[in-house]
Amino acid sequence: MRFESLKGKEFIEASKGKRLGYIQELDVTFDVTSGKIQSLIIPKYSILGIRKEHPSLRLEWKQIRVIGQDIILIDNN
C-alpha cells in the first residue's frame, strides 16, 4: 500500500463509531533501526480546507485496527 492511497479516507473510532475526520495530508514516523511504522500524523483542517494551527492528530500504528477501501478504523483507548 502506498501512503498516497490513504488520502481521502475517513478515520473512525471503532468503539464509539465516532467520525474523526478525513486524511488530506499525512506524515509518518518510523523506527530507523527496524523500519517499522510507529505512527501516522494527520494535520487538522477547517471546513474550508485551511490548515488549523491546532496540534495534529497522532495515531499510533498499534491503534489502527483495519484499513479498508474507504475508511480506517482505529481504537482510541
PDB file of N, CA and C in Angstrom:
ATOM      1  N   MET A   1       0.842  -1.169   0.000  1.00  0.00           N
ATOM      2  CA  MET A   1       0.000   0.000   0.000  1.00  0.00           C
ATOM      3  C   MET A   1       0.891   1.237   0.000  1.00  0.00           C
ATOM      4  N   ARG A   2       0.519   2.209  -0.779  1.00  0.00           N
ATOM      5  CA  ARG A   2       1.225   3.481  -0.809  1.00  0.00           C
ATOM      6  C   ARG A   2       0.515   4.464   0.113  1.00  0.00           C
ATOM      7  N   PHE A   3       1.297   5.348   0.721  1.00  0.00           N
ATOM      8  CA  PHE A   3       0.692   6.334   1.614  1.00  0.00           C
ATOM      9  C   PHE A   3      -0.237   7.264   0.856  1.00  0.00           C
ATOM     10  N   GLU A   4       0.024   7.479  -0.398  1.00  0.00           N
ATOM     11  CA  GLU A   4      -0.844   8.320  -1.235  1.00  0.00           C
ATOM     12  C   GLU A   4      -2.268   7.749  -1.276  1.00  0.00           C
ATOM     13  N   SER A   5      -2.397   6.429  -1.200  1.00  0.00           N
ATOM     14  CA  SER A   5      -3.729   5.816  -1.253  1.00  0.00           C
ATOM     15  C   SER A   5      -4.523   6.031   0.040  1.00  0.00           C
ATOM     16  N   LEU A   6      -3.883   6.502   1.122  1.00  0.00           N
ATOM     17  CA  LEU A   6      -4.590   6.790   2.361  1.00  0.00           C
ATOM     18  C   LEU A   6      -5.319   8.126   2.310  1.00  0.00           C
ATOM     19  N   LYS A   7      -4.909   9.011   1.407  1.00  0.00           N
ATOM     20  CA  LYS A   7      -5.563  10.321   1.293  1.00  0.00           C
ATOM     21  C   LYS A   7      -7.021  10.152   0.896  1.00  0.00           C
ATOM     22  N   GLY A   8      -7.880  10.934   1.527  1.00  0.00           N
ATOM     23  CA  GLY A   8      -9.305  10.888   1.231  1.00  0.00           C
ATOM     24  C   GLY A   8     -10.072   9.876   2.061  1.00  0.00           C
ATOM     25  N   LYS A   9      -9.369   9.014   2.780  1.00  0.00           N
ATOM     26  CA  LYS A   9     -10.061   8.041   3.623  1.00  0.00           C
ATOM     27  C   LYS A   9     -10.533   8.720   4.911  1.00  0.00           C
ATOM     28  N   GLU A  10     -11.677   8.261   5.392  1.00  0.00           N
ATOM     29  CA  GLU A  10     -12.217   8.768   6.643  1.00  0.00           C
ATOM     30  C   GLU A  10     -11.716   7.870   7.766  1.00  0.00           C
ATOM     31  N   PHE A  11     -11.330   8.476   8.894  1.00  0.00           N
ATOM     32  CA  PHE A  11     -10.941   7.638  10.021  1.00  0.00           C
ATOM     33  C   PHE A  11     -11.998   7.732  11.102  1.00  0.00           C
ATOM     34  N   ILE A  12     -12.331   6.546  11.650  1.00  0.00           N
ATOM     35  CA  ILE A  12     -13.457   6.394  12.569  1.00  0.00           C
ATOM     36  C   ILE A  12     -12.992   5.639  13.805  1.00  0.00           C
ATOM     37  N   GLU A  13     -13.406   6.141  14.981  1.00  0.00           N
ATOM     38  CA  GLU A  13     -13.133   5.448  16.234  1.00  0.00           C
ATOM     39  C   GLU A  13     -14.074   4.252  16.326  1.00  0.00           C
ATOM     40  N   ALA A  14     -13.532   3.061  16.330  1.00  0.00           N
ATOM     41  CA  ALA A  14     -14.330   1.840  16.218  1.00  0.00           C
ATOM     42  C   ALA A  14     -15.247   1.608  17.412  1.00  0.00           C
ATOM     43  N   SER A  15     -14.794   1.884  18.626  1.00  0.00           N
ATOM     44  CA  SER A  15     -15.596   1.560  19.807  1.00  0.00           C
ATOM     45  C   SER A  15     -16.837   2.434  19.934  1.00  0.00           C
ATOM     46  N   LYS A  16     -16.775   3.683  19.452  1.00  0.00           N
ATOM     47  CA  LYS A  16     -17.911   4.599  19.567  1.00  0.00           C
ATOM     48  C   LYS A  16     -18.579   4.887  18.223  1.00  0.00           C
ATOM     49  N   GLY A  17     -17.948   4.494  17.136  1.00  0.00           N
ATOM     50  CA  GLY A  17     -18.479   4.806  15.816  1.00  0.00           C
ATOM     51  C   GLY A  17     -18.381   6.285  15.489  1.00  0.00           C
ATOM     52  N   LYS A  18     -17.484   6.993  16.162  1.00  0.00           N
ATOM     53  CA  LYS A  18     -17.348   8.439  16.012  1.00  0.00           C
ATOM     54  C   LYS A  18     -16.439   8.780  14.838  1.00  0.00           C
ATOM     55  N   ARG A  19     -16.936   9.667  13.968  1.00  0.00           N
ATOM     56  CA  ARG A  19     -16.136  10.143  12.849  1.00  0.00           C
ATOM     57  C   ARG A  19     -15.102  11.139  13.357  1.00  0.00           C
ATOM     58  N   LEU A  20     -13.844  10.933  12.993  1.00  0.00           N
ATOM     59  CA  LEU A  20     -12.780  11.816  13.444  1.00  0.00           C
ATOM     60  C   LEU A  20     -12.263  12.728  12.343  1.00  0.00           C
ATOM     61  N   GLY A  21     -12.598  12.440  11.100  1.00  0.00           N
ATOM     62  CA  GLY A  21     -12.182  13.307  10.002  1.00  0.00           C
ATOM     63  C   GLY A  21     -11.696  12.533   8.797  1.00  0.00           C
ATOM     64  N   TYR A  22     -11.156  13.283   7.856  1.00  0.00           N
ATOM     65  CA  TYR A  22     -10.625  12.710   6.621  1.00  0.00           C
ATOM     66  C   TYR A  22      -9.130  13.005   6.537  1.00  0.00           C
ATOM     67  N   ILE A  23      -8.420  12.139   5.878  1.00  0.00           N
ATOM     68  CA  ILE A  23      -6.992  12.348   5.688  1.00  0.00           C
ATOM     69  C   ILE A  23      -6.790  13.165   4.433  1.00  0.00           C
ATOM     70  N   GLN A  24      -6.263  14.377   4.605  1.00  0.00           N
ATOM     71  CA  GLN A  24      -5.923  15.225   3.465  1.00  0.00           C
ATOM     72  C   GLN A  24      -4.418  15.217   3.231  1.00  0.00           C
ATOM     73  N   GLU A  25      -3.665  15.239   4.317  1.00  0.00           N
ATOM     74  CA  GLU A  25      -2.209  15.136   4.278  1.00  0.00           C
ATOM     75  C   GLU A  25      -1.802  14.132   5.333  1.00  0.00           C
ATOM     76  N   LEU A  26      -0.580  13.645   5.230  1.00  0.00           N
ATOM     77  CA  LEU A  26      -0.159  12.582   6.127  1.00  0.00           C
ATOM     78  C   LEU A  26       1.350  12.616   6.278  1.00  0.00           C
ATOM     79  N   ASP A  27       1.815  12.502   7.511  1.00  0.00           N
ATOM     80  CA  ASP A  27       3.224  12.298   7.800  1.00  0.00           C
ATOM     81  C   ASP A  27       3.344  10.987   8.543  1.00  0.00           C
ATOM     82  N   VAL A  28       4.508  10.400   8.483  1.00  0.00           N
ATOM     83  CA  VAL A  28       4.729   9.101   9.101  1.00  0.00           C
ATOM     84  C   VAL A  28       5.995   9.164   9.953  1.00  0.00           C
ATOM     85  N   THR A  29       5.935   8.548  11.134  1.00  0.00           N
ATOM     86  CA  THR A  29       7.158   8.352  11.914  1.00  0.00           C
ATOM     87  C   THR A  29       7.442   6.858  11.930  1.00  0.00           C
ATOM     88  N   PHE A  30       8.723   6.531  11.882  1.00  0.00           N
ATOM     89  CA  PHE A  30       9.078   5.120  11.892  1.00  0.00           C
ATOM     90  C   PHE A  30      10.367   4.917  12.666  1.00  0.00           C
ATOM     91  N   ASP A  31      10.571   3.680  13.095  1.00  0.00           N
ATOM     92  CA  ASP A  31      11.766   3.290  13.832  1.00  0.00           C
ATOM     93  C   ASP A  31      12.880   3.063  12.810  1.00  0.00           C
ATOM     94  N   VAL A  32      13.953   3.824  12.931  1.00  0.00           N
ATOM     95  CA  VAL A  32      15.019   3.741  11.925  1.00  0.00           C
ATOM     96  C   VAL A  32      15.795   2.431  11.996  1.00  0.00           C
ATOM     97  N   THR A  33      15.793   1.770  13.138  1.00  0.00           N
ATOM     98  CA  THR A  33      16.530   0.507  13.221  1.00  0.00           C
ATOM     99  C   THR A  33      15.754  -0.661  12.620  1.00  0.00           C
ATOM    100  N   SER A  34      14.434  -0.697  12.855  1.00  0.00           N
ATOM    101  CA  SER A  34      13.637  -1.817  12.339  1.00  0.00           C
ATOM    102  C   SER A  34      12.915  -1.482  11.039  1.00  0.00           C
ATOM    103  N   GLY A  35      12.703  -0.170  10.772  1.00  0.00           N
ATOM    104  CA  GLY A  35      11.967   0.242   9.584  1.00  0.00           C
ATOM    105  C   GLY A  35      10.459   0.133   9.742  1.00  0.00           C
ATOM    106  N   LYS A  36       9.990  -0.182  10.947  1.00  0.00           N
ATOM    107  CA  LYS A  36       8.553  -0.329  11.187  1.00  0.00           C
ATOM    108  C   LYS A  36       7.914   1.031  11.439  1.00  0.00           C
ATOM    109  N   ILE A  37       6.678   1.176  10.958  1.00  0.00           N
ATOM    110  CA  ILE A  37       5.915   2.409  11.156  1.00  0.00           C
ATOM    111  C   ILE A  37       5.519   2.501  12.626  1.00  0.00           C
ATOM    112  N   GLN A  38       5.723   3.685  13.232  1.00  0.00           N
ATOM    113  CA  GLN A  38       5.323   3.905  14.616  1.00  0.00           C
ATOM    114  C   GLN A  38       4.004   4.659  14.704  1.00  0.00           C
ATOM    115  N   SER A  39       3.833   5.694  13.866  1.00  0.00           N
ATOM    116  CA  SER A  39       2.599   6.481  13.956  1.00  0.00           C
ATOM    117  C   SER A  39       2.331   7.234  12.660  1.00  0.00           C
ATOM    118  N   LEU A  40       1.059   7.622  12.512  1.00  0.00           N
ATOM    119  CA  LEU A  40       0.633   8.491  11.426  1.00  0.00           C
ATOM    120  C   LEU A  40       0.306   9.840  12.042  1.00  0.00           C
ATOM    121  N   ILE A  41       0.761  10.907  11.434  1.00  0.00           N
ATOM    122  CA  ILE A  41       0.486  12.250  11.924  1.00  0.00           C
ATOM    123  C   ILE A  41      -0.393  12.934  10.887  1.00  0.00           C
ATOM    124  N   ILE A  42      -1.599  13.331  11.321  1.00  0.00           N
ATOM    125  CA  ILE A  42      -2.592  13.889  10.412  1.00  0.00           C
ATOM    126  C   ILE A  42      -2.883  15.329  10.828  1.00  0.00           C
ATOM    127  N   PRO A  43      -2.503  16.315   9.996  1.00  0.00           N
ATOM    128  CA  PRO A  43      -2.798  17.711  10.326  1.00  0.00           C
ATOM    129  C   PRO A  43      -4.302  17.962  10.311  1.00  0.00           C
ATOM    130  N   LYS A  44      -4.761  18.894  11.144  1.00  0.00           N
ATOM    131  CA  LYS A  44      -6.188  19.236  11.198  1.00  0.00           C
ATOM    132  C   LYS A  44      -6.469  20.395  10.254  1.00  0.00           C
ATOM    133  N   TYR A  45      -7.626  20.332   9.583  1.00  0.00           N
ATOM    134  CA  TYR A  45      -8.042  21.357   8.623  1.00  0.00           C
ATOM    135  C   TYR A  45      -9.423  21.882   8.989  1.00  0.00           C
ATOM    136  N   SER A  46      -9.701  23.113   8.587  1.00  0.00           N
ATOM    137  CA  SER A  46     -11.035  23.681   8.774  1.00  0.00           C
ATOM    138  C   SER A  46     -11.940  23.195   7.649  1.00  0.00           C
ATOM    139  N   ILE A  47     -13.198  23.559   7.714  1.00  0.00           N
ATOM    140  CA  ILE A  47     -14.162  23.168   6.686  1.00  0.00           C
ATOM    141  C   ILE A  47     -13.756  23.712   5.314  1.00  0.00           C
ATOM    142  N   LEU A  48     -13.118  24.866   5.300  1.00  0.00           N
ATOM    143  CA  LEU A  48     -12.701  25.487   4.039  1.00  0.00           C
ATOM    144  C   LEU A  48     -11.401  24.915   3.496  1.00  0.00           C
ATOM    145  N   GLY A  49     -10.816  23.942   4.185  1.00  0.00           N
ATOM    146  CA  GLY A  49      -9.588  23.332   3.720  1.00  0.00           C
ATOM    147  C   GLY A  49      -8.335  24.075   4.128  1.00  0.00           C
ATOM    148  N   ILE A  50      -8.469  24.995   5.092  1.00  0.00           N
ATOM    149  CA  ILE A  50      -7.318  25.746   5.580  1.00  0.00           C
ATOM    150  C   ILE A  50      -6.737  25.004   6.779  1.00  0.00           C
ATOM    151  N   ARG A  51      -5.429  24.835   6.774  1.00  0.00           N
ATOM    152  CA  ARG A  51      -4.768  24.106   7.856  1.00  0.00           C
ATOM    153  C   ARG A  51      -4.897  24.879   9.166  1.00  0.00           C
ATOM    154  N   LYS A  52      -5.370  24.191  10.203  1.00  0.00           N
ATOM    155  CA  LYS A  52      -5.534  24.804  11.515  1.00  0.00           C
ATOM    156  C   LYS A  52      -4.194  24.819  12.242  1.00  0.00           C
ATOM    157  N   GLU A  53      -4.069  25.717  13.188  1.00  0.00           N
ATOM    158  CA  GLU A  53      -2.836  25.786  13.966  1.00  0.00           C
ATOM    159  C   GLU A  53      -2.879  24.875  15.185  1.00  0.00           C
ATOM    160  N   HIS A  54      -3.980  24.164  15.367  1.00  0.00           N
ATOM    161  CA  HIS A  54      -4.081  23.219  16.474  1.00  0.00           C
ATOM    162  C   HIS A  54      -3.114  22.067  16.240  1.00  0.00           C
ATOM    163  N   PRO A  55      -2.767  21.374  17.304  1.00  0.00           N
ATOM    164  CA  PRO A  55      -1.861  20.233  17.121  1.00  0.00           C
ATOM    165  C   PRO A  55      -2.461  19.193  16.182  1.00  0.00           C
ATOM    166  N   SER A  56      -1.611  18.545  15.460  1.00  0.00           N
ATOM    167  CA  SER A  56      -2.037  17.493  14.547  1.00  0.00           C
ATOM    168  C   SER A  56      -2.476  16.269  15.342  1.00  0.00           C
ATOM    169  N   LEU A  57      -3.297  15.451  14.714  1.00  0.00           N
ATOM    170  CA  LEU A  57      -3.731  14.199  15.323  1.00  0.00           C
ATOM    171  C   LEU A  57      -2.646  13.156  15.092  1.00  0.00           C
ATOM    172  N   ARG A  58      -2.230  12.503  16.153  1.00  0.00           N
ATOM    173  CA  ARG A  58      -1.197  11.467  16.049  1.00  0.00           C
ATOM    174  C   ARG A  58      -1.843  10.114  16.346  1.00  0.00           C
ATOM    175  N   LEU A  59      -1.842   9.239  15.368  1.00  0.00           N
ATOM    176  CA  LEU A  59      -2.389   7.890  15.524  1.00  0.00           C
ATOM    177  C   LEU A  59      -1.231   6.904  15.606  1.00  0.00           C
ATOM    178  N   GLU A  60      -1.132   6.228  16.730  1.00  0.00           N
ATOM    179  CA  GLU A  60      -0.101   5.196  16.866  1.00  0.00           C
ATOM    180  C   GLU A  60      -0.482   4.022  15.964  1.00  0.00           C
ATOM    181  N   TRP A  61       0.485   3.403  15.359  1.00  0.00           N
ATOM    182  CA  TRP A  61       0.228   2.311  14.421  1.00  0.00           C
ATOM    183  C   TRP A  61      -0.548   1.182  15.083  1.00  0.00           C
ATOM    184  N   LYS A  62      -0.286   0.940  16.378  1.00  0.00           N
ATOM    185  CA  LYS A  62      -0.985  -0.142  17.084  1.00  0.00           C
ATOM    186  C   LYS A  62      -2.466   0.184  17.322  1.00  0.00           C
ATOM    187  N   GLN A  63      -2.866   1.464  17.176  1.00  0.00           N
ATOM    188  CA  GLN A  63      -4.276   1.848  17.325  1.00  0.00           C
ATOM    189  C   GLN A  63      -5.099   1.493  16.083  1.00  0.00           C
ATOM    190  N   ILE A  64      -4.471   1.330  14.956  1.00  0.00           N
ATOM    191  CA  ILE A  64      -5.190   1.073  13.708  1.00  0.00           C
ATOM    192  C   ILE A  64      -5.634  -0.384  13.678  1.00  0.00           C
ATOM    193  N   ARG A  65      -6.948  -0.579  13.565  1.00  0.00           N
ATOM    194  CA  ARG A  65      -7.493  -1.938  13.516  1.00  0.00           C
ATOM    195  C   ARG A  65      -7.606  -2.439  12.090  1.00  0.00           C
ATOM    196  N   VAL A  66      -8.194  -1.601  11.214  1.00  0.00           N
ATOM    197  CA  VAL A  66      -8.435  -2.016   9.831  1.00  0.00           C
ATOM    198  C   VAL A  66      -8.261  -0.808   8.912  1.00  0.00           C
ATOM    199  N   ILE A  67      -7.590  -1.042   7.803  1.00  0.00           N
ATOM    200  CA  ILE A  67      -7.549  -0.035   6.737  1.00  0.00           C
ATOM    201  C   ILE A  67      -8.372  -0.601   5.598  1.00  0.00           C
ATOM    202  N   GLY A  68      -9.559  -0.027   5.402  1.00  0.00           N
ATOM    203  CA  GLY A  68     -10.459  -0.506   4.362  1.00  0.00           C
ATOM    204  C   GLY A  68     -10.354   0.327   3.101  1.00  0.00           C
ATOM    205  N   GLN A  69     -11.245   0.074   2.160  1.00  0.00           N
ATOM    206  CA  GLN A  69     -11.237   0.779   0.890  1.00  0.00           C
ATOM    207  C   GLN A  69     -11.574   2.260   1.069  1.00  0.00           C
ATOM    208  N   ASP A  70     -12.504   2.580   1.990  1.00  0.00           N
ATOM    209  CA  ASP A  70     -12.947   3.964   2.189  1.00  0.00           C
ATOM    210  C   ASP A  70     -12.647   4.523   3.572  1.00  0.00           C
ATOM    211  N   ILE A  71     -12.454   3.653   4.565  1.00  0.00           N
ATOM    212  CA  ILE A  71     -12.287   4.119   5.936  1.00  0.00           C
ATOM    213  C   ILE A  71     -11.111   3.433   6.627  1.00  0.00           C
ATOM    214  N   ILE A  72     -10.704   4.048   7.741  1.00  0.00           N
ATOM    215  CA  ILE A  72      -9.701   3.463   8.628  1.00  0.00           C
ATOM    216  C   ILE A  72     -10.348   3.403  10.009  1.00  0.00           C
ATOM    217  N   LEU A  73     -10.443   2.203  10.574  1.00  0.00           N
ATOM    218  CA  LEU A  73     -10.998   2.031  11.920  1.00  0.00           C
ATOM    219  C   LEU A  73      -9.856   2.046  12.916  1.00  0.00           C
ATOM    220  N   ILE A  74     -10.038   2.861  13.971  1.00  0.00           N
ATOM    221  CA  ILE A  74      -8.994   2.944  14.991  1.00  0.00           C
ATOM    222  C   ILE A  74      -9.571   2.675  16.371  1.00  0.00           C
ATOM    223  N   ASP A  75      -8.737   2.176  17.262  1.00  0.00           N
ATOM    224  CA  ASP A  75      -9.042   2.071  18.682  1.00  0.00           C
ATOM    225  C   ASP A  75      -8.437   3.293  19.326  1.00  0.00           C
ATOM    226  N   ASN A  76      -9.238   4.077  20.012  1.00  0.00           N
ATOM    227  CA  ASN A  76      -8.737   5.310  20.620  1.00  0.00           C
ATOM    228  C   ASN A  76      -8.621   5.152  22.124  1.00  0.00           C
ATOM    229  N   ASN A  77      -8.140   3.985  22.574  1.00  0.00           N
ATOM    230  CA  ASN A  77      -8.010   3.716  24.010  1.00  0.00           C
ATOM    231  C   ASN A  77      -6.662   4.123  24.515  1.00  0.00           C
TER     232      ASN A  77
END
